[in-house]
Protein backbone atom coordinates (compact mmCIF):
# COMPACT_ATOMS: atom_id res chain seq x y z
CA MET A 1 34.63 -34.45 -2.59
CA THR A 2 34.06 -32.51 -5.79
CA LEU A 3 31.27 -30.03 -6.14
CA ASN A 4 29.46 -30.53 -9.39
CA LYS A 5 26.71 -28.27 -10.70
CA SER A 6 23.94 -30.42 -9.22
CA ARG A 7 25.45 -30.38 -5.71
CA ILE A 8 25.93 -26.62 -5.82
CA LYS A 9 22.27 -26.15 -6.80
CA ASN A 10 21.19 -28.41 -3.93
CA ILE A 11 23.35 -26.52 -1.43
CA VAL A 12 21.99 -23.16 -2.57
CA PHE A 13 18.42 -24.51 -2.41
CA PHE A 14 18.84 -25.78 1.16
CA VAL A 15 20.53 -22.56 2.28
CA LEU A 16 17.60 -20.53 0.90
CA ILE A 17 15.04 -22.84 2.56
CA GLY A 18 16.96 -22.58 5.84
CA ALA A 19 17.06 -18.78 5.57
CA LEU A 20 13.31 -18.68 5.00
CA LEU A 21 12.69 -20.89 8.02
CA LEU A 22 14.69 -18.67 10.36
CA ALA A 23 12.55 -15.85 11.69
CA GLN A 24 15.46 -13.37 11.58
CA THR A 25 16.01 -13.77 7.85
CA ARG A 26 12.48 -14.55 6.63
CA LYS A 27 11.08 -11.00 6.70
CA PRO A 28 14.06 -9.33 4.92
CA ILE A 29 13.93 -12.00 2.20
CA GLN A 30 10.16 -11.55 1.81
CA ILE A 31 10.60 -7.77 1.56
CA LEU A 32 13.33 -8.21 -1.07
CA VAL A 33 11.12 -10.53 -3.15
CA ASN A 34 8.19 -8.11 -2.87
CA LYS A 35 10.41 -5.20 -3.92
CA GLY A 36 10.81 -7.13 -7.16
CA PHE A 37 7.02 -7.18 -7.56
CA ALA A 38 6.88 -3.50 -6.61
CA LEU A 39 8.83 -2.59 -9.74
CA PHE A 40 5.59 -2.81 -11.71
CA ALA A 41 2.88 -0.17 -11.78
CA PRO A 42 -0.72 -1.11 -10.98
CA SER A 43 -3.13 -1.08 -13.87
CA THR A 44 -6.29 0.96 -14.13
CA ILE A 45 -9.71 -0.64 -14.21
CA ASP A 46 -11.60 -0.63 -17.50
CA ALA A 47 -14.32 2.08 -17.46
CA SER A 48 -17.07 -0.52 -17.88
CA ASN A 49 -15.99 -2.34 -14.70
CA LEU A 50 -15.59 0.57 -12.29
CA SER A 51 -16.98 0.28 -8.78
CA THR A 52 -18.34 3.46 -7.23
CA ILE A 53 -18.33 4.52 -3.61
CA THR A 54 -21.88 5.28 -2.57
CA ASP A 55 -21.32 5.27 1.19
CA TYR A 56 -18.71 7.68 2.51
CA LYS A 57 -19.79 7.21 6.14
CA TRP A 58 -16.53 6.00 7.63
CA LEU A 59 -14.73 7.39 10.64
CA LEU A 60 -11.00 7.12 11.22
CA LYS A 61 -8.82 8.21 14.10
CA GLY A 62 -5.45 9.87 13.61
CA GLU A 63 -2.38 9.55 15.78
CA ASN A 64 -3.18 12.72 17.76
CA ASN A 65 -6.71 11.49 18.59
CA THR A 66 -8.09 13.62 15.80
CA ASN A 67 -11.02 12.13 13.97
CA PHE A 68 -10.99 11.95 10.19
CA ASN A 69 -14.32 11.65 8.46
CA PHE A 70 -14.02 9.93 5.09
CA THR A 71 -16.89 12.10 3.80
CA THR A 72 -14.33 14.92 3.52
CA THR A 73 -12.78 13.03 0.61
CA LYS A 74 -15.95 13.30 -1.47
CA ASN A 75 -15.31 15.13 -4.76
CA LYS A 76 -11.53 14.69 -4.36
CA VAL A 77 -8.97 12.33 -5.86
CA VAL A 78 -8.01 9.87 -3.11
CA LEU A 79 -5.30 7.27 -2.69
CA LEU A 80 -6.47 4.87 0.03
CA ASN A 81 -4.00 2.28 1.31
CA PHE A 82 -4.58 -0.51 3.85
CA TRP A 83 -1.26 -1.62 5.34
CA ALA A 84 0.65 -2.89 8.40
CA THR A 85 4.21 -2.62 9.70
CA TRP A 86 4.62 -6.41 9.82
CA CYS A 87 3.56 -6.91 6.17
CA PRO A 88 6.53 -7.47 3.78
CA PRO A 89 4.62 -6.40 0.62
CA CYS A 90 3.45 -3.24 2.44
CA ILE A 91 7.01 -2.43 3.47
CA ALA A 92 8.25 -3.10 -0.07
CA GLU A 93 5.87 -0.56 -1.66
CA MET A 94 6.11 2.17 1.00
CA PRO A 95 9.16 3.95 -0.53
CA SER A 96 7.22 4.45 -3.79
CA MET A 97 4.21 5.65 -1.77
CA GLN A 98 6.43 8.19 0.01
CA LEU A 99 7.80 9.55 -3.28
CA LEU A 100 4.28 9.91 -4.69
CA TYR A 101 3.11 11.51 -1.43
CA GLU A 102 5.93 14.09 -1.54
CA ASP A 103 4.81 15.29 -4.98
CA TYR A 104 1.02 15.00 -4.63
CA LYS A 105 0.23 15.62 -0.93
CA ASP A 106 -1.24 19.05 -1.74
CA LYS A 107 -3.19 17.83 -4.76
CA ILE A 108 -4.91 14.61 -3.64
CA GLU A 109 -6.01 12.99 -0.38
CA PHE A 110 -3.76 10.24 0.97
CA VAL A 111 -5.41 7.95 3.50
CA PHE A 112 -3.23 5.21 5.03
CA VAL A 113 -5.21 2.82 7.22
CA THR A 114 -3.90 0.18 9.62
CA ASN A 115 -5.26 -1.74 12.58
CA GLU A 116 -2.02 -1.47 14.55
CA ASP A 117 -1.50 0.80 17.54
CA PHE A 118 -0.15 4.29 16.94
CA GLN A 119 3.07 3.71 18.86
CA THR A 120 4.00 0.87 16.48
CA THR A 121 3.07 2.73 13.31
CA HIS A 122 4.61 6.02 14.46
CA SER A 123 7.93 4.31 15.25
CA PHE A 124 7.88 2.55 11.87
CA LEU A 125 7.12 5.76 9.95
CA ILE A 126 9.81 7.76 11.77
CA LYS A 127 12.44 5.00 11.43
CA ASN A 128 11.84 4.77 7.69
CA LYS A 129 11.51 8.54 7.16
CA PHE A 130 7.94 8.35 5.86
CA SER A 131 6.13 11.65 6.32
CA PHE A 132 2.51 10.65 5.72
CA SER A 133 0.01 10.04 8.51
CA SER A 134 -1.67 6.78 9.37
CA TYR A 135 -5.19 6.20 10.64
CA LYS A 136 -7.15 3.53 12.44
CA ALA A 137 -10.76 2.79 11.55
CA ILE A 138 -13.24 3.50 14.33
CA SER A 139 -16.20 2.41 12.21
CA LYS A 140 -16.61 -0.23 9.52
CA PHE A 141 -15.19 0.73 6.14
CA PRO A 142 -17.58 1.00 3.17
CA GLU A 143 -18.33 -2.41 1.73
CA VAL A 144 -17.02 -1.46 -1.73
CA PHE A 145 -13.46 -1.73 -0.37
CA ASN A 146 -13.87 -5.41 0.66
CA VAL A 147 -10.37 -5.66 2.15
CA SER A 148 -9.35 -9.23 2.96
CA SER A 149 -5.57 -8.96 2.48
CA ILE A 150 -2.96 -6.24 2.55
CA PRO A 151 -1.53 -4.17 1.10
CA ARG A 152 -4.69 -3.12 -0.68
CA THR A 153 -4.70 0.24 -2.41
CA PHE A 154 -7.45 2.14 -4.17
CA LEU A 155 -7.17 5.20 -6.38
CA ILE A 156 -10.52 6.96 -6.38
CA ASP A 157 -11.61 9.73 -8.75
CA LYS A 158 -13.64 12.83 -7.83
CA LYS A 159 -16.92 11.05 -8.64
CA GLY A 160 -16.12 8.18 -6.28
CA ASN A 161 -15.15 5.70 -8.99
CA ILE A 162 -12.38 3.28 -8.06
CA VAL A 163 -10.00 3.54 -11.01
CA ILE A 164 -7.22 1.42 -9.49
CA ASP A 165 -7.79 -1.48 -7.10
CA LYS A 166 -4.52 -3.24 -6.32
CA THR A 167 -3.77 -6.01 -3.84
CA GLY A 168 -0.08 -6.64 -3.22
CA ALA A 169 3.05 -4.58 -3.66
CA SER A 170 3.24 -2.17 -6.56
CA ASN A 171 5.19 0.82 -7.83
CA TRP A 172 2.99 3.78 -6.87
CA ASN A 173 5.56 6.30 -8.06
CA SER A 174 5.42 5.10 -11.66
CA GLU A 175 4.73 7.29 -14.67
CA THR A 176 1.51 5.32 -15.23
CA VAL A 177 0.15 6.21 -11.78
CA ARG A 178 1.29 9.83 -12.06
CA GLU A 179 -0.33 10.22 -15.48
CA THR A 180 -3.54 8.65 -14.15
CA ILE A 181 -3.62 11.04 -11.19
CA ASP A 182 -2.85 14.04 -13.39
CA THR A 183 -5.73 13.07 -15.70
CA LEU A 184 -8.10 12.65 -12.75
CA LEU A 185 -7.14 16.05 -11.36
CA LYS A 186 -8.04 17.73 -14.67
CA LYS A 187 -11.55 16.26 -14.73
């Protein structure tokens, strides 16, 4: 039996479909695909279409049972990320989040929110050498966030304007994001 170009394509196609159907290989493949999407930086929202946070009343709980009141982020630049350990696009963008966090953790507020238990998230963060903290909501998030899928990330300026609203994996360590944050910090 000779393998012509058409047969080779069919074999490769069925191998890929089989790999996606197997639970053991599905997640790594999804992460790899999403890492491709995470090569691109998120875009900023046009000034005429900005949403503004008017309600900062939102309570979060940290890993050490410490409460975090979102009102403390008022008048600060904030990067707010909704994520989960089981989410391939979340996992794909986390390395870029970590790099951004390392350089900006003392300049802006980073708030990573999940609905998973702390044991799961702590193990994930340690295993992957991520040094940021994760929180769980203990009250309903402000309606302006309207999170229906993850990852969902917001970059918020000091006046509460959402200047970036991105669903899906992205490159948060890009020059575009860094320049946007640097501009927001100067205002």
